[in-house]
Amino acid sequence: MIRTDPAVLVLEDGTRYEGFAYGATGERLGEIVFTTGMTGYQETLSDPSFAGQIVVQTAPHIGNTGVNAADMESDRFWVAGYVVRDPSRVVSNFRAEGDLETALTEQGIVGISEIDTRALTRRIRDAGAMRAGVFSGEAAGLPAEQLLERVREQPAMAGRYLSDVVTTKEAYLSEHTLEGERVGSVALLDLGIKKATIRNLNTRGFDVHVLPAETTADQIRALDVDAVFYSNGPGDPEANEQQVGTLQELLRDGLPYMGICFGNQLLGRALGFGTYKLPFGHRGVNQPVRDTATNRVEITAQNHGFAVDVPLEGAVDSPAGFGRVEVSHIGLNDQVVEGLRCLDIPAFSVQFHPEAASGPHDAAPLFDRFRDMVAAHKSAK
């Protein structure tokens, strides 16, 4: 049954979309972004990288496969708000353990349905990601000027530090699941980790120490690990100076490094390059990138609103003194840097999600590359 109680979505430029409440009732503020995946809405909702963001699903029909515990990428939904066009009236999937709207309500996610998400997406593409608010219940009936004021009073995503919101509160160990020889141990800085990342490392023979975002270099050294890994996560990489400094110390120690998404941006900053905010970001499971070493095109899952500022062609010297660096992957939609490869130290990163459970698996071998890099580094000692 589709609800008919009113809801309204307000953008900071004054644009309004009126529809019906979906999920919890109330008021939620955040940066509005769109994601283009045709599948995987539950993985999107439970991805900590979406903290602080109101997510628009460009696929019109959402909820038909329900929800289940196995597809959760963390222990909760993280989106600030949720926008869909046509909520499914029924759940039809043998893996379903419940329906999406009930899950949204239980997790306090305020959403809106029955609006023109195509027009909304075009608006975001033209004007860029911006502050917004979803209002239902009593809040939906407030004067338009009052709602717009609330939207404009919230902080912008640029400059926000959100790692402390999404990170684990206590360190824990996830042991390897590879049959046979253990490859080594990894210190994984949790900046908004997805469960699939830990699984991918475990299945390749790594014991994974999952650590709070503000863990220091000395605390990581005390673990005597073989490598370090920075996860995906939300926020502006310019606000994560502590994590950048920690990574610089560990790179100077010679520890092998891999980063994904936010971890790519923080490697870029640790190497001395800048980062910048994209107009509307890359979000979805159908983003094409080109591997500059092989010219192979890979379809990747992405979720980011910032990028690293590095020349696309040729090797350049790291301004922070870490040797030569080259761009390993380039986004084919807009020529954005999608990966970095260090040529003089054992470190690389990608801007996309090679672990993506709901999307393509073209990039999954990157975890094999990390395993081989760590094994080679250990044997060379």
Protein backbone atom coordinates (compact mmCIF):
# COMPACT_ATOMS: atom_id res chain seq x y z
CA MET A 1 0.00 0.00 0.00
CA ILE A 2 1.41 3.39 -1.03
CA ARG A 3 1.14 6.12 1.57
CA THR A 4 -0.61 9.39 0.80
CA ASP A 5 0.56 11.55 3.71
CA PRO A 6 2.42 14.54 2.25
CA ALA A 7 6.16 15.14 2.16
CA VAL A 8 8.29 17.82 0.57
CA LEU A 9 11.88 17.97 -0.64
CA VAL A 10 13.51 21.42 -0.55
CA LEU A 11 16.80 22.32 -2.25
CA GLU A 12 18.94 25.24 -1.17
CA ASP A 13 18.31 27.04 -4.47
CA GLY A 14 14.61 27.17 -3.53
CA THR A 15 13.44 24.31 -5.75
CA ARG A 16 10.66 22.24 -4.14
CA TYR A 17 9.30 18.78 -4.92
CA GLU A 18 6.04 17.66 -3.32
CA GLY A 19 5.29 13.97 -2.89
CA PHE A 20 4.35 11.40 -0.27
CA ALA A 21 6.13 10.25 2.87
CA TYR A 22 8.27 7.13 2.59
CA GLY A 23 9.91 5.53 5.61
CA ALA A 24 10.08 7.43 8.89
CA THR A 25 8.20 10.69 9.45
CA GLY A 26 10.07 13.85 10.37
CA GLU A 27 12.79 16.16 9.10
CA ARG A 28 16.24 15.34 7.74
CA LEU A 29 18.92 17.61 6.29
CA GLY A 30 21.93 16.76 4.12
CA GLU A 31 23.67 17.14 0.80
CA ILE A 32 21.49 15.84 -2.01
CA VAL A 33 23.16 13.45 -4.47
CA PHE A 34 21.99 10.86 -6.96
CA THR A 35 23.09 7.28 -7.54
CA THR A 36 22.57 5.51 -10.85
CA GLY A 37 22.55 1.86 -9.80
CA MET A 38 19.70 -0.27 -11.10
CA THR A 39 20.31 -2.73 -8.26
CA GLY A 40 21.83 -2.67 -4.80
CA TYR A 41 19.67 -0.12 -2.98
CA GLN A 42 20.26 -1.90 0.33
CA GLU A 43 24.04 -1.76 -0.13
CA THR A 44 23.67 1.96 -0.88
CA LEU A 45 21.61 2.61 2.23
CA SER A 46 24.05 0.76 4.48
CA ASP A 47 27.23 2.26 2.98
CA PRO A 48 28.79 4.63 5.56
CA SER A 49 30.14 6.76 2.68
CA PHE A 50 26.60 8.15 2.30
CA ALA A 51 26.55 9.63 5.81
CA GLY A 52 25.29 13.21 5.68
CA GLN A 53 23.71 12.77 2.24
CA ILE A 54 20.14 12.63 0.95
CA VAL A 55 20.25 9.96 -1.76
CA VAL A 56 18.15 10.06 -4.92
CA GLN A 57 17.66 6.74 -6.72
CA THR A 58 17.60 7.39 -10.47
CA ALA A 59 16.14 3.91 -11.08
CA PRO A 60 12.38 4.51 -10.80
CA HIS A 61 11.22 1.26 -9.17
CA ILE A 62 12.72 0.66 -5.73
CA GLY A 63 11.98 -1.94 -3.06
CA ASN A 64 10.84 -4.88 -5.15
CA THR A 65 13.48 -7.28 -3.76
CA GLY A 66 12.92 -6.30 -0.13
CA VAL A 67 15.73 -6.34 2.42
CA ASN A 68 17.80 -9.01 4.14
CA ALA A 69 20.60 -9.21 6.69
CA ALA A 70 23.14 -10.69 4.27
CA ASP A 71 23.24 -7.63 1.98
CA MET A 72 23.95 -5.11 4.75
CA GLU A 73 27.36 -3.44 4.27
CA SER A 74 27.39 -2.20 7.88
CA ASP A 75 25.21 -2.55 10.95
CA ARG A 76 22.77 0.26 10.02
CA PHE A 77 21.49 2.57 7.30
CA TRP A 78 23.62 5.73 6.99
CA VAL A 79 21.86 7.98 4.48
CA ALA A 80 20.49 11.26 5.81
CA GLY A 81 17.36 10.96 3.66
CA TYR A 82 15.99 8.91 0.79
CA VAL A 83 14.23 9.88 -2.45
CA VAL A 84 12.50 7.43 -4.79
CA ARG A 85 9.95 7.68 -7.55
CA ASP A 86 7.89 4.46 -7.37
CA PRO A 87 8.11 2.36 -4.18
CA SER A 88 7.25 -1.26 -4.86
CA ARG A 89 3.86 -2.34 -3.57
CA VAL A 90 5.05 -5.92 -3.08
CA VAL A 91 8.25 -7.78 -2.21
CA SER A 92 9.16 -10.57 -4.59
CA ASN A 93 12.50 -12.26 -3.92
CA PHE A 94 13.35 -15.57 -2.27
CA ARG A 95 16.07 -13.91 -0.20
CA ALA A 96 13.83 -11.19 1.22
CA GLU A 97 13.40 -11.04 4.99
CA GLY A 98 11.34 -7.88 5.09
CA ASP A 99 10.18 -4.89 3.09
CA LEU A 100 12.19 -1.74 2.46
CA GLU A 101 9.80 0.84 3.89
CA THR A 102 9.54 -0.99 7.20
CA ALA A 103 13.34 -1.11 7.39
CA LEU A 104 13.57 2.62 6.61
CA THR A 105 11.01 3.39 9.30
CA GLU A 106 12.75 1.23 11.91
CA GLN A 107 16.08 2.92 11.16
CA GLY A 108 14.66 6.44 11.25
CA ILE A 109 15.32 7.24 7.59
CA VAL A 110 12.98 10.01 6.40
CA GLY A 111 12.14 9.67 2.73
CA ILE A 112 9.89 10.98 0.01
CA SER A 113 8.29 9.14 -2.92
CA GLU A 114 6.17 9.83 -6.00
CA ILE A 115 8.24 12.76 -7.27
CA ASP A 116 9.88 13.22 -10.67
CA THR A 117 13.35 11.87 -9.88
CA ARG A 118 14.41 12.34 -13.51
CA ALA A 119 13.77 16.08 -13.29
CA LEU A 120 15.47 16.18 -9.89
CA THR A 121 18.54 14.37 -11.23
CA ARG A 122 18.79 16.79 -14.14
CA ARG A 123 18.57 19.66 -11.66
CA ILE A 124 21.47 18.26 -9.62
CA ARG A 125 23.50 17.67 -12.79
CA ASP A 126 22.94 21.28 -13.88
CA ALA A 127 23.33 23.05 -10.52
CA GLY A 128 25.56 20.56 -8.69
CA ALA A 129 25.10 18.73 -5.41
CA MET A 130 23.67 21.11 -2.83
CA ARG A 131 22.18 21.28 0.63
CA ALA A 132 18.64 19.95 0.92
CA GLY A 133 15.99 18.76 3.34
CA VAL A 134 13.25 16.12 3.39
CA PHE A 135 10.19 17.03 5.46
CA SER A 136 7.12 14.92 6.29
CA GLY A 137 4.45 14.90 8.98
CA GLU A 138 3.98 18.25 10.72
CA ALA A 139 7.22 19.58 9.21
CA ALA A 140 5.80 19.26 5.68
CA GLY A 141 3.13 21.82 6.52
CA LEU A 142 5.51 24.55 7.65
CA PRO A 143 5.83 27.70 5.51
CA ALA A 144 8.10 27.33 2.48
CA GLU A 145 10.34 30.18 3.65
CA GLN A 146 10.90 28.48 7.00
CA LEU A 147 11.87 25.16 5.42
CA LEU A 148 14.26 26.86 3.01
CA GLU A 149 15.90 28.69 5.90
CA ARG A 150 16.47 25.38 7.72
CA VAL A 151 18.08 23.92 4.61
CA ARG A 152 20.40 26.87 4.15
CA GLU A 153 21.45 26.94 7.81
CA GLN A 154 23.07 23.50 7.71
CA PRO A 155 26.81 23.17 6.97
CA ALA A 156 27.96 22.36 3.45
CA MET A 157 29.75 19.08 2.71
CA ALA A 158 32.96 20.93 1.75
CA GLY A 159 35.12 21.13 4.86
CA ARG A 160 33.17 18.53 6.86
CA TYR A 161 34.96 15.91 8.96
CA LEU A 162 32.74 12.82 9.23
CA SER A 163 35.24 10.04 9.94
CA ASP A 164 34.52 10.23 13.67
CA VAL A 165 30.82 9.63 12.97
CA VAL A 166 31.19 6.43 10.91
CA THR A 167 34.33 4.78 12.32
CA THR A 168 34.41 1.82 14.68
CA LYS A 169 34.56 2.87 18.31
CA GLU A 170 36.79 -0.03 19.32
CA ALA A 171 39.55 -1.84 17.44
CA TYR A 172 38.88 -5.47 16.52
CA LEU A 173 40.54 -8.30 14.63
CA SER A 174 39.02 -10.19 11.70
CA GLU A 175 41.10 -13.30 10.99
CA HIS A 176 41.87 -14.65 7.54
CA THR A 177 39.61 -17.27 5.95
CA LEU A 178 41.98 -18.47 3.21
CA GLU A 179 42.51 -22.21 3.25
CA GLY A 180 46.22 -22.70 3.55
CA GLU A 181 48.99 -20.23 4.30
CA ARG A 182 48.34 -16.91 5.99
CA VAL A 183 49.70 -14.05 3.85
CA GLY A 184 50.06 -11.46 6.60
CA SER A 185 48.32 -8.84 8.70
CA VAL A 186 46.86 -5.49 7.71
CA ALA A 187 46.07 -2.37 9.74
CA LEU A 188 42.81 -1.13 8.24
CA LEU A 189 41.86 2.42 9.18
CA ASP A 190 38.07 2.48 9.34
CA LEU A 191 36.92 5.72 7.73
CA GLY A 192 33.54 4.21 6.85
CA ILE A 193 34.38 0.62 5.99
CA LYS A 194 32.09 -1.78 4.14
CA LYS A 195 31.93 -5.39 5.29
CA ALA A 196 32.77 -6.60 1.78
CA THR A 197 36.23 -4.99 2.01
CA ILE A 198 37.12 -6.93 5.12
CA ARG A 199 35.81 -10.15 3.55
CA ASN A 200 37.94 -9.61 0.44
CA LEU A 201 41.07 -9.16 2.54
CA ASN A 202 40.26 -12.15 4.77
CA THR A 203 39.74 -14.46 1.80
CA ARG A 204 43.16 -13.49 0.45
CA GLY A 205 44.95 -14.58 3.59
CA PHE A 206 45.04 -11.38 5.64
CA ASP A 207 44.32 -10.97 9.31
CA VAL A 208 42.70 -7.53 9.44
CA HIS A 209 43.05 -5.17 12.41
CA VAL A 210 40.09 -2.80 11.99
CA LEU A 211 41.04 0.44 13.73
CA PRO A 212 39.30 3.69 14.71
CA ALA A 213 39.89 6.60 12.35
CA GLU A 214 42.10 8.53 14.77
CA THR A 215 44.52 5.68 15.45
CA THR A 216 48.08 7.03 15.44
CA ALA A 217 51.13 5.80 13.53
CA ASP A 218 52.75 4.63 16.77
CA GLN A 219 49.66 2.60 17.67
CA ILE A 220 49.77 0.96 14.24
CA ARG A 221 53.50 0.27 14.56
CA ALA A 222 52.81 -1.49 17.86
CA LEU A 223 50.65 -4.03 16.01
CA ASP A 224 53.66 -5.09 13.88
CA VAL A 225 51.52 -5.42 10.75
CA ASP A 226 52.69 -6.15 7.23
CA ALA A 227 50.66 -3.45 5.47
CA VAL A 228 48.19 -0.61 5.92
CA PHE A 229 44.83 -0.02 4.25
CA TYR A 230 42.59 3.06 4.24
CA SER A 231 38.90 2.49 3.58
CA ASN A 232 36.15 4.41 1.84
CA GLY A 233 34.22 7.01 3.80
CA PRO A 234 32.32 10.30 3.78
CA GLY A 235 33.41 13.90 4.15
CA ASP A 236 35.97 16.28 2.71
CA PRO A 237 39.53 14.86 2.51
CA GLU A 238 40.91 18.32 3.32
CA ALA A 239 39.44 17.89 6.83
CA ASN A 240 41.36 14.66 7.55
CA GLU A 241 44.79 16.09 8.29
CA GLN A 242 45.50 13.61 11.09
CA GLN A 243 44.93 10.61 8.83
CA VAL A 244 47.12 12.20 6.13
CA GLY A 245 49.95 12.72 8.61
CA THR A 246 49.64 9.17 9.92
CA LEU A 247 49.82 7.79 6.40
CA GLN A 248 52.92 9.84 5.59
CA GLU A 249 54.69 8.37 8.63
CA LEU A 250 53.77 4.81 7.64
CA LEU A 251 54.80 5.33 4.02
CA ARG A 252 58.19 6.55 5.23
CA ASP A 253 58.42 3.36 7.30
CA GLY A 254 58.08 1.44 4.03
CA LEU A 255 54.77 -0.26 4.80
CA PRO A 256 52.84 -1.35 1.69
CA TYR A 257 49.60 0.60 1.27
CA MET A 258 46.28 0.24 -0.53
CA GLY A 259 43.40 2.71 -0.36
CA ILE A 260 39.94 2.77 -1.88
CA CYS A 261 37.70 5.78 -2.50
CA PHE A 262 38.39 8.11 0.47
CA GLY A 263 41.64 6.19 0.90
CA ASN A 264 42.60 7.24 -2.63
CA GLN A 265 42.00 10.89 -1.83
CA LEU A 266 44.02 10.66 1.39
CA LEU A 267 46.92 8.97 -0.42
CA GLY A 268 46.84 11.84 -2.91
CA ARG A 269 47.06 14.37 -0.09
CA ALA A 270 49.78 12.37 1.69
CA LEU A 271 51.84 12.45 -1.52
CA GLY A 272 51.45 16.22 -1.57
CA PHE A 273 48.69 16.68 -4.16
CA GLY A 274 45.47 18.61 -3.75
CA THR A 275 41.85 17.48 -3.80
CA TYR A 276 38.74 19.26 -5.01
CA LYS A 277 34.96 18.87 -4.92
CA LEU A 278 33.25 17.50 -8.00
CA PRO A 279 30.09 19.23 -9.26
CA PHE A 280 27.79 16.28 -8.56
CA GLY A 281 30.15 13.36 -7.97
CA HIS A 282 30.15 9.77 -9.17
CA ARG A 283 27.65 7.39 -7.57
CA GLY A 284 26.42 4.11 -8.98
CA VAL A 285 27.56 0.68 -10.13
CA ASN A 286 28.02 1.51 -13.81
CA GLN A 287 30.95 3.95 -13.91
CA PRO A 288 33.50 3.25 -16.71
CA VAL A 289 37.22 3.73 -16.04
CA ARG A 290 40.31 3.06 -18.14
CA ASP A 291 43.35 1.29 -16.75
CA THR A 292 46.22 3.40 -18.10
CA ALA A 293 48.67 0.47 -18.06
CA THR A 294 46.53 -1.92 -20.12
CA ASN A 295 43.97 0.42 -21.76
CA ARG A 296 41.35 -2.04 -20.50
CA VAL A 297 37.98 -0.48 -19.67
CA GLU A 298 36.42 -1.60 -16.39
CA ILE A 299 32.87 -0.97 -15.20
CA THR A 300 33.12 0.05 -11.56
CA ALA A 301 31.04 0.92 -8.53
CA GLN A 302 31.66 4.42 -7.20
CA ASN A 303 30.48 6.74 -4.48
CA HIS A 304 32.46 9.94 -4.11
CA GLY A 305 32.09 13.69 -4.35
CA PHE A 306 35.79 14.66 -4.25
CA ALA A 307 38.77 13.83 -6.47
CA VAL A 308 42.58 14.08 -6.51
CA ASP A 309 44.23 16.79 -8.60
CA VAL A 310 47.10 15.08 -10.45
CA PRO A 311 48.20 15.37 -14.11
CA LEU A 312 46.60 12.53 -16.08
CA GLU A 313 49.55 11.68 -18.34
CA GLY A 314 53.01 10.49 -17.38
CA ALA A 315 54.83 10.13 -14.08
CA VAL A 316 55.19 13.16 -11.79
CA ASP A 317 57.26 13.70 -8.66
CA SER A 318 55.46 13.56 -5.34
CA PRO A 319 55.58 17.08 -3.82
CA ALA A 320 55.91 15.42 -0.38
CA GLY A 321 59.04 13.49 -1.37
CA PHE A 322 57.71 9.97 -2.02
CA GLY A 323 59.17 9.58 -5.50
CA ARG A 324 57.36 9.21 -8.78
CA VAL A 325 53.59 8.84 -9.05
CA GLU A 326 51.34 8.14 -12.01
CA VAL A 327 47.59 8.02 -12.58
CA SER A 328 46.57 4.36 -12.86
CA HIS A 329 42.91 4.80 -13.80
CA ILE A 330 40.93 7.58 -15.51
CA GLY A 331 37.16 8.09 -15.44
CA LEU A 332 35.82 7.96 -18.99
CA ASN A 333 32.75 10.12 -18.34
CA ASP A 334 34.66 13.24 -17.27
CA GLN A 335 38.42 12.42 -17.27
CA VAL A 336 38.68 12.44 -13.45
CA VAL A 337 41.57 10.70 -11.67
CA GLU A 338 40.33 7.25 -10.58
CA GLY A 339 43.53 5.74 -9.20
CA LEU A 340 47.15 6.38 -8.22
CA ARG A 341 50.22 4.17 -8.57
CA CYS A 342 53.45 4.97 -6.74
CA LEU A 343 56.52 3.89 -8.69
CA ASP A 344 59.19 4.15 -5.96
CA ILE A 345 57.29 2.97 -2.88
CA PRO A 346 54.85 0.04 -2.46
CA ALA A 347 51.58 1.99 -2.54
CA PHE A 348 48.54 2.33 -4.78
CA SER A 349 44.91 3.33 -4.52
CA VAL A 350 41.71 3.52 -6.55
CA GLN A 351 38.79 5.91 -6.39
CA PHE A 352 36.20 3.20 -7.00
CA HIS A 353 35.00 0.19 -4.98
CA PRO A 354 36.60 -3.11 -6.06
CA GLU A 355 34.68 -4.89 -3.30
CA ALA A 356 31.26 -3.73 -4.54
CA ALA A 357 28.82 -6.53 -3.70
CA SER A 358 25.87 -5.28 -5.71
CA GLY A 359 27.71 -4.21 -8.82
CA PRO A 360 30.28 -5.43 -11.35
CA HIS A 361 33.36 -7.33 -10.26
CA ASP A 362 35.76 -6.09 -12.95
CA ALA A 363 38.03 -4.51 -10.34
CA ALA A 364 38.11 -7.37 -7.81
CA PRO A 365 41.64 -8.46 -8.90
CA LEU A 366 43.00 -5.30 -7.26
CA PHE A 367 42.84 -7.18 -3.95
CA ASP A 368 45.04 -9.86 -5.55
CA ARG A 369 47.47 -7.15 -6.59
CA PHE A 370 47.61 -5.91 -2.99
CA ARG A 371 48.22 -9.45 -1.72
CA ASP A 372 51.04 -9.97 -4.22
CA MET A 373 52.59 -6.61 -3.34
CA VAL A 374 52.59 -7.42 0.37
CA ALA A 375 53.98 -10.92 -0.19
CA ALA A 376 56.77 -9.57 -2.40
CA HIS A 377 57.63 -6.90 0.16
CA LYS A 378 57.83 -9.50 2.95
CA SER A 379 60.06 -11.84 0.92
CA ALA A 380 62.42 -8.96 0.04
CA LYS A 381 63.12 -8.12 3.69
